[in-house]
Amino acid sequence: MSYMLRFTKQAEKDIRQLTPKLQEKLKKILREQIALDPYQGKPLVGDLKGCYSVRLTLKDRIVYQIDDETITVIILRTKTHYGD
């Protein structure tokens, strides 16, 4: 079973700021990892409790929420720096 992916406006803005190479890497991670098994991401704590993250680059993370009722993953950010 594959989860449907939805993107927030902020995530879409983040994607446009990525290089073409990172956009391709992002697509691959979304299709081959997050859409197939979103729970493999790291559960976040604090303000982002209930969200998960997967590393995109050394600094950037993909941050998302999972909605099991609609079998949807909502991508919140794709260019998030820890500490920002």
PDB file of N, CA and C in Angstrom:
ATOM      1  N   MET A   1       0.845  -1.182   0.000  1.00  0.00           N
ATOM      2  CA  MET A   1       0.000   0.000   0.000  1.00  0.00           C
ATOM      3  C   MET A   1       0.886   1.239   0.000  1.00  0.00           C
ATOM      4  N   SER A   2       0.521   2.193  -0.807  1.00  0.00           N
ATOM      5  CA  SER A   2       1.282   3.422  -0.922  1.00  0.00           C
ATOM      6  C   SER A   2       0.442   4.590  -0.407  1.00  0.00           C
ATOM      7  N   TYR A   3       1.066   5.467   0.368  1.00  0.00           N
ATOM      8  CA  TYR A   3       0.383   6.659   0.867  1.00  0.00           C
ATOM      9  C   TYR A   3       0.341   7.729  -0.219  1.00  0.00           C
ATOM     10  N   MET A   4      -0.750   8.496  -0.241  1.00  0.00           N
ATOM     11  CA  MET A   4      -0.850   9.632  -1.141  1.00  0.00           C
ATOM     12  C   MET A   4      -0.056  10.788  -0.508  1.00  0.00           C
ATOM     13  N   LEU A   5       0.603  11.591  -1.317  1.00  0.00           N
ATOM     14  CA  LEU A   5       1.389  12.706  -0.818  1.00  0.00           C
ATOM     15  C   LEU A   5       0.685  14.023  -1.101  1.00  0.00           C
ATOM     16  N   ARG A   6       0.625  14.885  -0.097  1.00  0.00           N
ATOM     17  CA  ARG A   6       0.101  16.243  -0.250  1.00  0.00           C
ATOM     18  C   ARG A   6       1.173  17.209   0.237  1.00  0.00           C
ATOM     19  N   PHE A   7       1.197  18.390  -0.323  1.00  0.00           N
ATOM     20  CA  PHE A   7       2.224  19.370   0.016  1.00  0.00           C
ATOM     21  C   PHE A   7       1.578  20.664   0.502  1.00  0.00           C
ATOM     22  N   THR A   8       2.126  21.230   1.571  1.00  0.00           N
ATOM     23  CA  THR A   8       1.680  22.549   2.012  1.00  0.00           C
ATOM     24  C   THR A   8       2.274  23.598   1.068  1.00  0.00           C
ATOM     25  N   LYS A   9       1.748  24.809   1.130  1.00  0.00           N
ATOM     26  CA  LYS A   9       2.295  25.900   0.311  1.00  0.00           C
ATOM     27  C   LYS A   9       3.766  26.133   0.652  1.00  0.00           C
ATOM     28  N   GLN A  10       4.109  26.022   1.943  1.00  0.00           N
ATOM     29  CA  GLN A  10       5.499  26.216   2.357  1.00  0.00           C
ATOM     30  C   GLN A  10       6.395  25.133   1.759  1.00  0.00           C
ATOM     31  N   ALA A  11       5.926  23.898   1.732  1.00  0.00           N
ATOM     32  CA  ALA A  11       6.713  22.817   1.139  1.00  0.00           C
ATOM     33  C   ALA A  11       6.921  23.057  -0.349  1.00  0.00           C
ATOM     34  N   GLU A  12       5.884  23.517  -1.043  1.00  0.00           N
ATOM     35  CA  GLU A  12       6.022  23.812  -2.471  1.00  0.00           C
ATOM     36  C   GLU A  12       7.033  24.928  -2.698  1.00  0.00           C
ATOM     37  N   LYS A  13       7.019  25.940  -1.833  1.00  0.00           N
ATOM     38  CA  LYS A  13       7.987  27.036  -1.925  1.00  0.00           C
ATOM     39  C   LYS A  13       9.407  26.500  -1.686  1.00  0.00           C
ATOM     40  N   ASP A  14       9.551  25.637  -0.682  1.00  0.00           N
ATOM     41  CA  ASP A  14      10.861  25.035  -0.392  1.00  0.00           C
ATOM     42  C   ASP A  14      11.395  24.260  -1.591  1.00  0.00           C
ATOM     43  N   ILE A  15      10.525  23.496  -2.240  1.00  0.00           N
ATOM     44  CA  ILE A  15      10.936  22.668  -3.379  1.00  0.00           C
ATOM     45  C   ILE A  15      11.472  23.543  -4.508  1.00  0.00           C
ATOM     46  N   ARG A  16      10.809  24.657  -4.761  1.00  0.00           N
ATOM     47  CA  ARG A  16      11.264  25.560  -5.822  1.00  0.00           C
ATOM     48  C   ARG A  16      12.649  26.125  -5.537  1.00  0.00           C
ATOM     49  N   GLN A  17      13.036  26.196  -4.271  1.00  0.00           N
ATOM     50  CA  GLN A  17      14.341  26.741  -3.892  1.00  0.00           C
ATOM     51  C   GLN A  17      15.459  25.697  -3.975  1.00  0.00           C
ATOM     52  N   LEU A  18      15.101  24.425  -4.111  1.00  0.00           N
ATOM     53  CA  LEU A  18      16.114  23.371  -4.201  1.00  0.00           C
ATOM     54  C   LEU A  18      16.739  23.346  -5.589  1.00  0.00           C
ATOM     55  N   THR A  19      17.977  22.864  -5.659  1.00  0.00           N
ATOM     56  CA  THR A  19      18.622  22.685  -6.957  1.00  0.00           C
ATOM     57  C   THR A  19      17.918  21.546  -7.692  1.00  0.00           C
ATOM     58  N   PRO A  20      18.025  21.492  -9.027  1.00  0.00           N
ATOM     59  CA  PRO A  20      17.400  20.376  -9.770  1.00  0.00           C
ATOM     60  C   PRO A  20      17.874  19.006  -9.262  1.00  0.00           C
ATOM     61  N   LYS A  21      19.138  18.891  -8.906  1.00  0.00           N
ATOM     62  CA  LYS A  21      19.658  17.620  -8.398  1.00  0.00           C
ATOM     63  C   LYS A  21      18.978  17.237  -7.079  1.00  0.00           C
ATOM     64  N   LEU A  22      18.801  18.213  -6.183  1.00  0.00           N
ATOM     65  CA  LEU A  22      18.124  17.931  -4.915  1.00  0.00           C
ATOM     66  C   LEU A  22      16.633  17.674  -5.122  1.00  0.00           C
ATOM     67  N   GLN A  23      16.031  18.311  -6.122  1.00  0.00           N
ATOM     68  CA  GLN A  23      14.628  18.031  -6.420  1.00  0.00           C
ATOM     69  C   GLN A  23      14.459  16.574  -6.847  1.00  0.00           C
ATOM     70  N   GLU A  24      15.389  16.065  -7.637  1.00  0.00           N
ATOM     71  CA  GLU A  24      15.346  14.655  -8.053  1.00  0.00           C
ATOM     72  C   GLU A  24      15.530  13.730  -6.852  1.00  0.00           C
ATOM     73  N   LYS A  25      16.474  14.084  -5.975  1.00  0.00           N
ATOM     74  CA  LYS A  25      16.702  13.282  -4.769  1.00  0.00           C
ATOM     75  C   LYS A  25      15.442  13.277  -3.903  1.00  0.00           C
ATOM     76  N   LEU A  26      14.807  14.428  -3.778  1.00  0.00           N
ATOM     77  CA  LEU A  26      13.574  14.539  -3.000  1.00  0.00           C
ATOM     78  C   LEU A  26      12.494  13.630  -3.578  1.00  0.00           C
ATOM     79  N   LYS A  27      12.289  13.672  -4.897  1.00  0.00           N
ATOM     80  CA  LYS A  27      11.284  12.813  -5.541  1.00  0.00           C
ATOM     81  C   LYS A  27      11.549  11.347  -5.233  1.00  0.00           C
ATOM     82  N   LYS A  28      12.809  10.946  -5.313  1.00  0.00           N
ATOM     83  CA  LYS A  28      13.162   9.550  -5.062  1.00  0.00           C
ATOM     84  C   LYS A  28      12.843   9.161  -3.616  1.00  0.00           C
ATOM     85  N   ILE A  29      13.206  10.012  -2.658  1.00  0.00           N
ATOM     86  CA  ILE A  29      12.924   9.733  -1.244  1.00  0.00           C
ATOM     87  C   ILE A  29      11.418   9.663  -1.010  1.00  0.00           C
ATOM     88  N   LEU A  30      10.671  10.601  -1.599  1.00  0.00           N
ATOM     89  CA  LEU A  30       9.220  10.614  -1.409  1.00  0.00           C
ATOM     90  C   LEU A  30       8.571   9.355  -1.968  1.00  0.00           C
ATOM     91  N   ARG A  31       8.971   8.942  -3.173  1.00  0.00           N
ATOM     92  CA  ARG A  31       8.366   7.774  -3.821  1.00  0.00           C
ATOM     93  C   ARG A  31       8.809   6.448  -3.200  1.00  0.00           C
ATOM     94  N   GLU A  32      10.101   6.322  -2.946  1.00  0.00           N
ATOM     95  CA  GLU A  32      10.652   5.030  -2.552  1.00  0.00           C
ATOM     96  C   GLU A  32      10.716   4.804  -1.045  1.00  0.00           C
ATOM     97  N   GLN A  33      10.583   5.856  -0.260  1.00  0.00           N
ATOM     98  CA  GLN A  33      10.641   5.685   1.182  1.00  0.00           C
ATOM     99  C   GLN A  33       9.358   6.163   1.868  1.00  0.00           C
ATOM    100  N   ILE A  34       9.095   7.459   1.805  1.00  0.00           N
ATOM    101  CA  ILE A  34       8.002   8.039   2.587  1.00  0.00           C
ATOM    102  C   ILE A  34       6.636   7.527   2.137  1.00  0.00           C
ATOM    103  N   ALA A  35       6.370   7.455   0.835  1.00  0.00           N
ATOM    104  CA  ALA A  35       5.056   6.995   0.362  1.00  0.00           C
ATOM    105  C   ALA A  35       4.824   5.528   0.702  1.00  0.00           C
ATOM    106  N   LEU A  36       5.886   4.732   0.764  1.00  0.00           N
ATOM    107  CA  LEU A  36       5.743   3.302   1.036  1.00  0.00           C
ATOM    108  C   LEU A  36       5.694   2.985   2.526  1.00  0.00           C
ATOM    109  N   ASP A  37       6.509   3.673   3.324  1.00  0.00           N
ATOM    110  CA  ASP A  37       6.545   3.422   4.762  1.00  0.00           C
ATOM    111  C   ASP A  37       6.896   4.708   5.500  1.00  0.00           C
ATOM    112  N   PRO A  38       5.914   5.587   5.701  1.00  0.00           N
ATOM    113  CA  PRO A  38       6.215   6.880   6.321  1.00  0.00           C
ATOM    114  C   PRO A  38       6.714   6.773   7.761  1.00  0.00           C
ATOM    115  N   TYR A  39       6.428   5.653   8.422  1.00  0.00           N
ATOM    116  CA  TYR A  39       6.840   5.508   9.816  1.00  0.00           C
ATOM    117  C   TYR A  39       8.329   5.214   9.980  1.00  0.00           C
ATOM    118  N   GLN A  40       9.062   5.061   8.871  1.00  0.00           N
ATOM    119  CA  GLN A  40      10.498   4.852   8.980  1.00  0.00           C
ATOM    120  C   GLN A  40      11.238   6.160   9.289  1.00  0.00           C
ATOM    121  N   GLY A  41      10.563   7.293   9.148  1.00  0.00           N
ATOM    122  CA  GLY A  41      11.164   8.584   9.483  1.00  0.00           C
ATOM    123  C   GLY A  41      11.355   8.718  10.979  1.00  0.00           C
ATOM    124  N   LYS A  42      12.130   9.716  11.366  1.00  0.00           N
ATOM    125  CA  LYS A  42      12.412   9.956  12.778  1.00  0.00           C
ATOM    126  C   LYS A  42      11.249  10.723  13.407  1.00  0.00           C
ATOM    127  N   PRO A  43      10.632  10.180  14.468  1.00  0.00           N
ATOM    128  CA  PRO A  43       9.567  10.922  15.150  1.00  0.00           C
ATOM    129  C   PRO A  43      10.157  12.167  15.820  1.00  0.00           C
ATOM    130  N   LEU A  44       9.490  13.290  15.670  1.00  0.00           N
ATOM    131  CA  LEU A  44       9.989  14.538  16.231  1.00  0.00           C
ATOM    132  C   LEU A  44       9.336  14.821  17.577  1.00  0.00           C
ATOM    133  N   VAL A  45       9.956  15.689  18.356  1.00  0.00           N
ATOM    134  CA  VAL A  45       9.471  16.036  19.694  1.00  0.00           C
ATOM    135  C   VAL A  45       9.308  17.551  19.787  1.00  0.00           C
ATOM    136  N   GLY A  46       8.829  17.999  20.923  1.00  0.00           N
ATOM    137  CA  GLY A  46       8.671  19.436  21.138  1.00  0.00           C
ATOM    138  C   GLY A  46       7.558  20.015  20.301  1.00  0.00           C
ATOM    139  N   ASP A  47       7.827  21.177  19.686  1.00  0.00           N
ATOM    140  CA  ASP A  47       6.818  21.863  18.874  1.00  0.00           C
ATOM    141  C   ASP A  47       6.352  21.021  17.700  1.00  0.00           C
ATOM    142  N   LEU A  48       7.210  20.109  17.234  1.00  0.00           N
ATOM    143  CA  LEU A  48       6.888  19.288  16.063  1.00  0.00           C
ATOM    144  C   LEU A  48       6.445  17.870  16.432  1.00  0.00           C
ATOM    145  N   LYS A  49       6.032  17.684  17.682  1.00  0.00           N
ATOM    146  CA  LYS A  49       5.561  16.361  18.107  1.00  0.00           C
ATOM    147  C   LYS A  49       4.398  15.933  17.221  1.00  0.00           C
ATOM    148  N   GLY A  50       4.424  14.695  16.771  1.00  0.00           N
ATOM    149  CA  GLY A  50       3.402  14.187  15.857  1.00  0.00           C
ATOM    150  C   GLY A  50       3.870  14.235  14.412  1.00  0.00           C
ATOM    151  N   CYS A  51       5.006  14.876  14.175  1.00  0.00           N
ATOM    152  CA  CYS A  51       5.598  14.942  12.838  1.00  0.00           C
ATOM    153  C   CYS A  51       6.786  13.998  12.760  1.00  0.00           C
ATOM    154  N   TYR A  52       7.227  13.748  11.558  1.00  0.00           N
ATOM    155  CA  TYR A  52       8.382  12.889  11.307  1.00  0.00           C
ATOM    156  C   TYR A  52       9.336  13.625  10.381  1.00  0.00           C
ATOM    157  N   SER A  53      10.603  13.194  10.384  1.00  0.00           N
ATOM    158  CA  SER A  53      11.547  13.801   9.449  1.00  0.00           C
ATOM    159  C   SER A  53      12.451  12.743   8.831  1.00  0.00           C
ATOM    160  N   VAL A  54      12.882  13.045   7.610  1.00  0.00           N
ATOM    161  CA  VAL A  54      13.836  12.223   6.865  1.00  0.00           C
ATOM    162  C   VAL A  54      14.889  13.178   6.324  1.00  0.00           C
ATOM    163  N   ARG A  55      16.136  12.768   6.382  1.00  0.00           N
ATOM    164  CA  ARG A  55      17.234  13.609   5.926  1.00  0.00           C
ATOM    165  C   ARG A  55      17.230  13.740   4.402  1.00  0.00           C
ATOM    166  N   LEU A  56      17.355  14.986   3.921  1.00  0.00           N
ATOM    167  CA  LEU A  56      17.506  15.260   2.495  1.00  0.00           C
ATOM    168  C   LEU A  56      18.971  15.558   2.183  1.00  0.00           C
ATOM    169  N   THR A  57      19.582  16.421   2.988  1.00  0.00           N
ATOM    170  CA  THR A  57      21.014  16.716   2.882  1.00  0.00           C
ATOM    171  C   THR A  57      21.579  16.694   4.288  1.00  0.00           C
ATOM    172  N   LEU A  58      22.839  17.028   4.408  1.00  0.00           N
ATOM    173  CA  LEU A  58      23.461  17.066   5.729  1.00  0.00           C
ATOM    174  C   LEU A  58      22.705  18.009   6.665  1.00  0.00           C
ATOM    175  N   LYS A  59      22.212  19.138   6.124  1.00  0.00           N
ATOM    176  CA  LYS A  59      21.505  20.124   6.936  1.00  0.00           C
ATOM    177  C   LYS A  59      19.993  20.070   6.785  1.00  0.00           C
ATOM    178  N   ASP A  60      19.504  19.723   5.619  1.00  0.00           N
ATOM    179  CA  ASP A  60      18.064  19.811   5.339  1.00  0.00           C
ATOM    180  C   ASP A  60      17.321  18.518   5.632  1.00  0.00           C
ATOM    181  N   ARG A  61      16.100  18.690   6.136  1.00  0.00           N
ATOM    182  CA  ARG A  61      15.228  17.560   6.440  1.00  0.00           C
ATOM    183  C   ARG A  61      13.880  17.759   5.754  1.00  0.00           C
ATOM    184  N   ILE A  62      13.239  16.638   5.458  1.00  0.00           N
ATOM    185  CA  ILE A  62      11.856  16.641   4.978  1.00  0.00           C
ATOM    186  C   ILE A  62      11.001  16.414   6.226  1.00  0.00           C
ATOM    187  N   VAL A  63      10.103  17.333   6.525  1.00  0.00           N
ATOM    188  CA  VAL A  63       9.247  17.219   7.712  1.00  0.00           C
ATOM    189  C   VAL A  63       7.815  16.972   7.239  1.00  0.00           C
ATOM    190  N   TYR A  64       7.172  15.959   7.842  1.00  0.00           N
ATOM    191  CA  TYR A  64       5.832  15.580   7.381  1.00  0.00           C
ATOM    192  C   TYR A  64       4.982  15.015   8.506  1.00  0.00           C
ATOM    193  N   GLN A  65       3.671  14.985   8.259  1.00  0.00           N
ATOM    194  CA  GLN A  65       2.698  14.374   9.154  1.00  0.00           C
ATOM    195  C   GLN A  65       2.043  13.218   8.419  1.00  0.00           C
ATOM    196  N   ILE A  66       1.557  12.247   9.183  1.00  0.00           N
ATOM    197  CA  ILE A  66       0.906  11.075   8.605  1.00  0.00           C
ATOM    198  C   ILE A  66      -0.565  11.076   9.021  1.00  0.00           C
ATOM    199  N   ASP A  67      -1.451  10.876   8.039  1.00  0.00           N
ATOM    200  CA  ASP A  67      -2.880  10.751   8.310  1.00  0.00           C
ATOM    201  C   ASP A  67      -3.305   9.355   7.859  1.00  0.00           C
ATOM    202  N   ASP A  68      -3.381   8.431   8.818  1.00  0.00           N
ATOM    203  CA  ASP A  68      -3.711   7.045   8.487  1.00  0.00           C
ATOM    204  C   ASP A  68      -5.155   6.877   8.021  1.00  0.00           C
ATOM    205  N   GLU A  69      -6.050   7.760   8.455  1.00  0.00           N
ATOM    206  CA  GLU A  69      -7.452   7.643   8.050  1.00  0.00           C
ATOM    207  C   GLU A  69      -7.619   7.824   6.546  1.00  0.00           C
ATOM    208  N   THR A  70      -6.887   8.773   5.986  1.00  0.00           N
ATOM    209  CA  THR A  70      -7.001   9.038   4.550  1.00  0.00           C
ATOM    210  C   THR A  70      -5.818   8.464   3.769  1.00  0.00           C
ATOM    211  N   ILE A  71      -4.938   7.758   4.474  1.00  0.00           N
ATOM    212  CA  ILE A  71      -3.735   7.170   3.872  1.00  0.00           C
ATOM    213  C   ILE A  71      -2.959   8.250   3.106  1.00  0.00           C
ATOM    214  N   THR A  72      -2.704   9.344   3.816  1.00  0.00           N
ATOM    215  CA  THR A  72      -2.052  10.498   3.220  1.00  0.00           C
ATOM    216  C   THR A  72      -0.865  10.936   4.068  1.00  0.00           C
ATOM    217  N   VAL A  73       0.192  11.352   3.406  1.00  0.00           N
ATOM    218  CA  VAL A  73       1.326  11.981   4.077  1.00  0.00           C
ATOM    219  C   VAL A  73       1.317  13.449   3.651  1.00  0.00           C
ATOM    220  N   ILE A  74       1.315  14.339   4.641  1.00  0.00           N
ATOM    221  CA  ILE A  74       1.319  15.772   4.355  1.00  0.00           C
ATOM    222  C   ILE A  74       2.739  16.286   4.549  1.00  0.00           C
ATOM    223  N   ILE A  75       3.347  16.723   3.456  1.00  0.00           N
ATOM    224  CA  ILE A  75       4.712  17.244   3.498  1.00  0.00           C
ATOM    225  C   ILE A  75       4.622  18.700   3.946  1.00  0.00           C
ATOM    226  N   LEU A  76       5.209  18.987   5.115  1.00  0.00           N
ATOM    227  CA  LEU A  76       5.137  20.338   5.670  1.00  0.00           C
ATOM    228  C   LEU A  76       6.285  21.222   5.198  1.00  0.00           C
ATOM    229  N   ARG A  77       7.490  20.682   5.205  1.00  0.00           N
ATOM    230  CA  ARG A  77       8.690  21.416   4.794  1.00  0.00           C
ATOM    231  C   ARG A  77       9.622  20.445   4.073  1.00  0.00           C
ATOM    232  N   THR A  78      10.422  20.982   3.164  1.00  0.00           N
ATOM    233  CA  THR A  78      11.412  20.133   2.495  1.00  0.00           C
ATOM    234  C   THR A  78      12.801  20.741   2.569  1.00  0.00           C
ATOM    235  N   LYS A  79      12.913  21.826   3.302  1.00  0.00           N
ATOM    236  CA  LYS A  79      14.213  22.502   3.393  1.00  0.00           C
ATOM    237  C   LYS A  79      14.355  23.053   4.798  1.00  0.00           C
ATOM    238  N   THR A  80      14.248  22.174   5.779  1.00  0.00           N
ATOM    239  CA  THR A  80      14.254  22.598   7.179  1.00  0.00           C
ATOM    240  C   THR A  80      15.627  22.378   7.788  1.00  0.00           C
ATOM    241  N   HIS A  81      16.112  23.385   8.465  1.00  0.00           N
ATOM    242  CA  HIS A  81      17.393  23.281   9.167  1.00  0.00           C
ATOM    243  C   HIS A  81      17.124  23.140  10.648  1.00  0.00           C
ATOM    244  N   TYR A  82      17.735  22.147  11.284  1.00  0.00           N
ATOM    245  CA  TYR A  82      17.619  22.058  12.719  1.00  0.00           C
ATOM    246  C   TYR A  82      18.242  23.294  13.328  1.00  0.00           C
ATOM    247  N   GLY A  83      17.583  23.849  14.324  1.00  0.00           N
ATOM    248  CA  GLY A  83      18.101  25.025  14.991  1.00  0.00           C
ATOM    249  C   GLY A  83      17.581  26.330  14.409  1.00  0.00           C
ATOM    250  N   ASP A  84      16.883  26.275  13.287  1.00  0.00           N
ATOM    251  CA  ASP A  84      16.323  27.502  12.692  1.00  0.00           C
ATOM    252  C   ASP A  84      14.930  27.742  13.201  1.00  0.00           C
TER     253      ASP A  84
END
